[in-house]
Structure formats: structure tokens, C-alpha cells
Amino acid sequence: MRIFRAKTYKDMSRKAANIISAQIIMKPDCVLGLATGSSPEGIYEQLVTWYEKGDLDFSQVTSVNLDEYKGLTPDNVQSYRYFMDSHLFNRVNIDKSRTFLPDGLAEDAEGECKRYDALIESLGGVDLQLLGIGHNGHIGFNEPEEAFEKGTHCVALQESTIEANKRFFASVDEMPKYAYTMGIKTIMQAKKILIVVSGREKAAIVKKAFFGPVTPAVPASILQMHNDVTLVGDEEALAELEK
């Protein structure tokens, strides 16, 4: 694992965006695995800035997102499709017909999970997967469990995740309690993984995930077993790691 220390969230975002832009430049028709939430917002803003300057071309890029809430329509402002459209897809020249997320409205959950894994396989897998990490060590919506979930699945969100995400909704009652997420096997099959983390509240889980035992109780710990992982964090998030 390579670790890059950033001074601030903005610096972290720029360093991570550099890695993604290099992937696009080196392989214009790459498959990017993308994430949502507050951690990658600055990354997408930086990528848009470079696109507007003429430094990046997304026209051949394909994207697959980690997850989507179950039951939300794509035009719901809290859906991850809406997030991606707002922060990136509507602002660059990516072909939106090649931007994929799980279908939150699918009635057949098992069928949707199989469809999404088959789609990723048909694309030749993910070249670069972007990840954040939750306070409980989740990646995507892979919550702490007794075993690592393999493929895309529909997961019941744990209370700590609901607590962390409820701020985005008018009330906790409006927040979905289930979500579709890529599984650990799907994530681990990505050729490269880029994980970003910021804030002092993430320092303890960063140390536990990347310097503790590999265990499904801390889903992100499995990344220790991948042969090409880059961690970019600000000073606060990496505060408990030895320099």
C-alpha cells in the first residue's frame, strides 16, 4: 500500500484527482469505479476544473458506481445517480449511457445484483476503483459482518451508517434502510484501488483497517490483501499512523 499525506481536504482531493486523471490519460477508454459521499466531492470538483481547462477528456470513459439506495428514483436529490450527475456526469463530456449504477427501483433484488456483476464483468472489470471508508470500516455499503460478502448484494444498513448519513435527509424516517452495493470480491477484482479519507474522526478506523488484523468485522481491512492500493489522507485522518 502506498500512502500519500495531504495537508488539507483540498490537498487530498487534488492528489487523488491527479491519480484518476493519470488513469484517464494513460487509458482513455478506462473503466472507473466511482464513489459518492462527502469524501470524493472535492475530487470531482478538481476533475471538472481540469476538464474545463481542456486537460481531460472523458468521452471514452465508462463508469460503474459502488452503490445505490434501494427505493430511490434516479431524480431523487438523495439518490447516488443524482449525486453523480450533479457533481460530475453533467459537467464533463462523459457518455451518460456508459455511466452505470445499481437500479434502486429493481423489484427483483437478487436478479439486480447478478445483473450488475455481469455488467462489470462484461466491461472487463474496473481499472481504478475509488473508495471512501465509513466510521465502522465499511467500504461501499459492505457493513461489518461475520464473513466478507462476495458479489453485489442488497444490504440492511447498520445504525452507525444510518446515523452518519441521516443528515442528508429531512428526517431519519426518510432515509432508506437498504442499499445495493458492490461486494468485497467485486471491489477486490479492480486492477487498482484508490481510497481517500479526511478528518480526525476517521483516524482510529484508518489505523484499525490498514494496520490491524484482516477481518470482516472491519470490511476495509481486506484491502491489505490487494496488490495495488493507494491511500490518500489529510493530516488529521492519518494522525494515528507513524510518519
Protein backbone atom coordinates (compact mmCIF):
# COMPACT_ATOMS: atom_id res chain seq x y z
CA MET A 1 0.00 0.00 0.00
CA ARG A 2 1.21 3.46 -0.91
CA ILE A 3 0.26 6.26 1.47
CA PHE A 4 0.20 9.90 0.42
CA ARG A 5 -0.18 12.52 3.12
CA ALA A 6 -2.06 15.69 2.31
CA LYS A 7 -2.14 18.84 4.38
CA THR A 8 -5.84 19.56 3.94
CA TYR A 9 -9.01 18.15 2.39
CA LYS A 10 -8.39 20.31 -0.70
CA ASP A 11 -4.84 18.99 -1.00
CA MET A 12 -6.11 15.44 -0.55
CA SER A 13 -8.70 15.98 -3.28
CA ARG A 14 -6.10 17.32 -5.70
CA LYS A 15 -3.67 14.46 -5.06
CA ALA A 16 -6.40 11.86 -5.56
CA ALA A 17 -7.71 13.63 -8.68
CA ASN A 18 -4.17 13.50 -10.09
CA ILE A 19 -4.21 9.71 -9.80
CA ILE A 20 -7.58 9.45 -11.54
CA SER A 21 -6.60 11.89 -14.29
CA ALA A 22 -3.40 9.91 -14.93
CA GLN A 23 -5.53 6.78 -15.36
CA ILE A 24 -7.74 8.54 -17.91
CA ILE A 25 -4.77 9.97 -19.83
CA MET A 26 -2.90 6.65 -19.91
CA LYS A 27 -6.02 4.65 -20.85
CA PRO A 28 -8.71 6.93 -22.34
CA ASP A 29 -11.26 4.08 -22.53
CA CYS A 30 -10.75 3.02 -18.91
CA VAL A 31 -13.45 1.75 -16.57
CA LEU A 32 -13.63 3.87 -13.43
CA GLY A 33 -15.27 2.60 -10.26
CA LEU A 34 -16.73 5.67 -8.58
CA ALA A 35 -17.94 6.53 -5.08
CA THR A 36 -20.28 9.07 -3.52
CA GLY A 37 -20.41 10.94 -0.23
CA SER A 38 -18.52 13.92 1.12
CA SER A 39 -15.04 12.41 0.71
CA PRO A 40 -14.93 12.44 -3.13
CA GLU A 41 -16.76 15.73 -3.71
CA GLY A 42 -13.53 17.71 -3.90
CA ILE A 43 -12.03 15.14 -6.28
CA TYR A 44 -14.90 15.53 -8.73
CA GLU A 45 -14.67 19.32 -8.49
CA GLN A 46 -10.98 19.16 -9.38
CA LEU A 47 -11.61 16.79 -12.30
CA VAL A 48 -14.29 19.13 -13.65
CA THR A 49 -11.88 22.06 -13.40
CA TRP A 50 -9.23 20.21 -15.39
CA TYR A 51 -11.85 19.17 -17.96
CA GLU A 52 -12.97 22.78 -18.37
CA LYS A 53 -9.34 23.77 -18.96
CA GLY A 54 -9.08 21.18 -21.72
CA ASP A 55 -6.72 18.92 -19.77
CA LEU A 56 -9.05 15.91 -19.51
CA ASP A 57 -11.27 14.06 -21.96
CA PHE A 58 -13.97 11.75 -20.57
CA SER A 59 -15.51 10.85 -23.94
CA GLN A 60 -14.29 7.23 -23.91
CA VAL A 61 -14.56 6.61 -20.15
CA THR A 62 -17.02 4.10 -18.70
CA SER A 63 -18.03 4.30 -15.04
CA VAL A 64 -19.61 1.92 -12.54
CA ASN A 65 -20.64 3.16 -9.13
CA LEU A 66 -20.24 1.32 -5.87
CA ASP A 67 -23.76 1.56 -4.61
CA GLU A 68 -27.27 2.99 -4.67
CA TYR A 69 -30.04 3.33 -2.11
CA LYS A 70 -32.90 0.87 -2.52
CA GLY A 71 -36.19 2.55 -3.32
CA LEU A 72 -34.96 5.96 -4.51
CA THR A 73 -35.72 7.18 -8.02
CA PRO A 74 -32.77 8.49 -10.08
CA ASP A 75 -34.15 12.05 -9.89
CA ASN A 76 -34.41 11.97 -6.08
CA VAL A 77 -31.88 14.52 -4.82
CA GLN A 78 -30.53 11.95 -2.32
CA SER A 79 -30.03 9.17 -4.86
CA TYR A 80 -26.48 8.42 -5.88
CA ARG A 81 -27.41 8.78 -9.55
CA TYR A 82 -28.45 12.36 -8.81
CA PHE A 83 -25.21 12.91 -6.86
CA MET A 84 -23.04 11.68 -9.72
CA ASP A 85 -24.96 13.66 -12.33
CA SER A 86 -24.70 16.83 -10.26
CA HIS A 87 -21.04 16.52 -9.25
CA LEU A 88 -19.52 15.01 -12.39
CA PHE A 89 -21.52 13.47 -15.23
CA ASN A 90 -23.50 16.59 -16.22
CA ARG A 91 -20.34 18.71 -16.10
CA VAL A 92 -17.95 16.75 -18.33
CA ASN A 93 -18.15 15.08 -21.75
CA ILE A 94 -18.73 11.54 -20.50
CA ASP A 95 -21.28 9.45 -22.41
CA LYS A 96 -24.02 9.06 -19.81
CA SER A 97 -25.21 5.85 -21.45
CA ARG A 98 -21.93 4.37 -20.20
CA THR A 99 -22.35 5.53 -16.59
CA PHE A 100 -23.76 2.71 -14.51
CA LEU A 101 -25.21 2.35 -11.01
CA PRO A 102 -27.30 -0.38 -9.40
CA ASP A 103 -31.01 0.11 -10.08
CA GLY A 104 -32.51 1.22 -6.77
CA LEU A 105 -36.02 0.55 -8.09
CA ALA A 106 -35.40 -3.05 -9.15
CA GLU A 107 -38.14 -5.30 -7.76
CA ASP A 108 -36.02 -8.44 -8.02
CA ALA A 109 -33.11 -7.68 -5.68
CA GLU A 110 -31.24 -10.92 -6.37
CA GLY A 111 -31.66 -10.50 -10.11
CA GLU A 112 -30.41 -6.92 -9.98
CA CYS A 113 -27.29 -7.96 -8.08
CA LYS A 114 -26.49 -10.65 -10.65
CA ARG A 115 -27.13 -8.19 -13.48
CA TYR A 116 -24.73 -5.63 -12.04
CA ASP A 117 -21.92 -8.11 -11.50
CA ALA A 118 -22.42 -9.45 -15.05
CA LEU A 119 -22.27 -5.89 -16.38
CA ILE A 120 -18.95 -5.19 -14.64
CA GLU A 121 -17.56 -8.49 -15.93
CA SER A 122 -18.69 -7.64 -19.47
CA LEU A 123 -16.73 -4.39 -19.28
CA GLY A 124 -13.55 -6.29 -18.48
CA GLY A 125 -13.58 -5.27 -14.83
CA VAL A 126 -12.66 -1.99 -13.15
CA ASP A 127 -9.34 -0.33 -13.94
CA LEU A 128 -9.37 2.05 -10.97
CA GLN A 129 -11.79 1.86 -8.04
CA LEU A 130 -12.30 4.94 -5.87
CA LEU A 131 -13.31 4.30 -2.25
CA GLY A 132 -14.01 6.13 0.96
CA ILE A 133 -14.24 4.47 4.36
CA GLY A 134 -17.05 4.62 6.89
CA HIS A 135 -16.65 5.14 10.63
CA ASN A 136 -17.27 1.42 11.14
CA GLY A 137 -14.83 0.44 8.39
CA HIS A 138 -17.39 -0.13 5.66
CA ILE A 139 -16.43 0.30 2.01
CA GLY A 140 -19.31 0.85 -0.34
CA PHE A 141 -22.13 -0.35 1.86
CA ASN A 142 -20.27 -3.51 2.89
CA GLU A 143 -21.05 -3.39 6.59
CA PRO A 144 -19.20 -5.31 9.34
CA GLU A 145 -20.33 -8.93 9.18
CA GLU A 146 -19.19 -12.42 10.12
CA ALA A 147 -17.90 -13.03 6.58
CA PHE A 148 -16.87 -10.94 3.59
CA GLU A 149 -19.73 -10.58 1.11
CA LYS A 150 -18.55 -11.63 -2.34
CA GLY A 151 -20.67 -10.12 -5.07
CA THR A 152 -23.09 -7.23 -5.42
CA HIS A 153 -25.84 -7.60 -2.82
CA CYS A 154 -28.68 -5.78 -1.10
CA VAL A 155 -27.69 -4.87 2.44
CA ALA A 156 -29.55 -3.69 5.52
CA LEU A 157 -27.73 -0.55 6.66
CA GLN A 158 -26.41 -0.61 10.20
CA GLU A 159 -27.36 2.01 12.76
CA SER A 160 -23.93 3.70 12.63
CA THR A 161 -24.27 4.16 8.86
CA ILE A 162 -27.81 5.47 9.17
CA GLU A 163 -26.63 7.86 11.88
CA ALA A 164 -23.80 9.13 9.67
CA ASN A 165 -25.98 9.61 6.57
CA LYS A 166 -29.27 10.81 8.05
CA ARG A 167 -28.04 14.43 7.88
CA PHE A 168 -28.67 14.34 4.13
CA PHE A 169 -32.38 13.64 4.63
CA ALA A 170 -35.19 15.74 6.07
CA SER A 171 -35.64 13.14 8.80
CA VAL A 172 -34.21 9.75 9.68
CA ASP A 173 -37.57 8.22 8.70
CA GLU A 174 -36.99 9.32 5.10
CA MET A 175 -33.61 7.66 4.85
CA PRO A 176 -33.65 4.27 3.10
CA LYS A 177 -32.71 1.36 5.32
CA TYR A 178 -31.42 -0.80 2.48
CA ALA A 179 -28.94 -0.29 -0.33
CA TYR A 180 -27.37 -2.15 -3.22
CA THR A 181 -23.60 -2.35 -3.05
CA MET A 182 -20.72 -3.96 -4.88
CA GLY A 183 -19.42 -6.83 -2.80
CA ILE A 184 -15.90 -7.26 -1.48
CA LYS A 185 -14.97 -9.72 -4.25
CA THR A 186 -16.12 -7.26 -6.91
CA ILE A 187 -14.13 -4.44 -5.33
CA MET A 188 -11.04 -6.59 -4.87
CA GLN A 189 -11.06 -7.55 -8.55
CA ALA A 190 -10.37 -3.94 -9.54
CA LYS A 191 -6.89 -3.59 -11.01
CA LYS A 192 -6.10 -0.55 -8.86
CA ILE A 193 -7.78 0.84 -5.74
CA LEU A 194 -7.66 4.45 -4.57
CA ILE A 195 -9.01 5.17 -1.09
CA VAL A 196 -9.43 8.69 0.27
CA VAL A 197 -10.02 9.74 3.86
CA SER A 198 -10.18 13.04 5.69
CA GLY A 199 -10.97 14.32 9.17
CA ARG A 200 -9.81 13.44 12.69
CA GLU A 201 -12.93 11.32 13.27
CA LYS A 202 -11.58 8.80 10.72
CA ALA A 203 -8.11 8.45 12.27
CA ALA A 204 -8.92 5.49 14.51
CA ILE A 205 -10.63 3.43 11.80
CA VAL A 206 -7.82 4.14 9.32
CA LYS A 207 -5.27 2.66 11.72
CA LYS A 208 -7.53 -0.27 12.55
CA ALA A 209 -8.36 -1.03 8.91
CA PHE A 210 -4.90 -0.81 7.40
CA PHE A 211 -2.62 -1.75 10.28
CA GLY A 212 -4.81 -4.16 12.22
CA PRO A 213 -5.93 -7.73 11.50
CA VAL A 214 -7.81 -8.56 8.31
CA THR A 215 -11.33 -9.29 9.47
CA PRO A 216 -14.89 -8.96 8.11
CA ALA A 217 -15.65 -7.02 11.31
CA VAL A 218 -13.65 -4.23 9.62
CA PRO A 219 -14.53 -4.63 5.92
CA ALA A 220 -11.87 -2.19 4.66
CA SER A 221 -9.15 -4.35 6.22
CA ILE A 222 -9.43 -6.73 3.24
CA LEU A 223 -7.70 -4.05 1.15
CA GLN A 224 -4.46 -5.08 2.84
CA MET A 225 -4.63 -8.16 0.59
CA HIS A 226 -4.82 -6.19 -2.68
CA ASN A 227 -1.56 -5.70 -4.57
CA ASP A 228 -2.21 -2.13 -5.80
CA VAL A 229 -3.79 0.17 -3.21
CA THR A 230 -3.12 3.87 -2.78
CA LEU A 231 -4.34 5.67 0.35
CA VAL A 232 -4.58 9.46 0.22
CA GLY A 233 -5.45 11.14 3.51
CA ASP A 234 -5.19 14.51 5.14
CA GLU A 235 -3.08 15.05 8.24
CA GLU A 236 -5.99 14.62 10.64
CA ALA A 237 -7.15 11.34 9.15
CA LEU A 238 -3.61 9.92 9.22
CA ALA A 239 -2.81 11.31 12.66
CA GLU A 240 -2.54 7.90 14.33
CA LEU A 241 -0.17 6.45 11.74
CA GLU A 242 3.57 6.54 12.19
CA LYS A 243 5.31 9.03 9.93
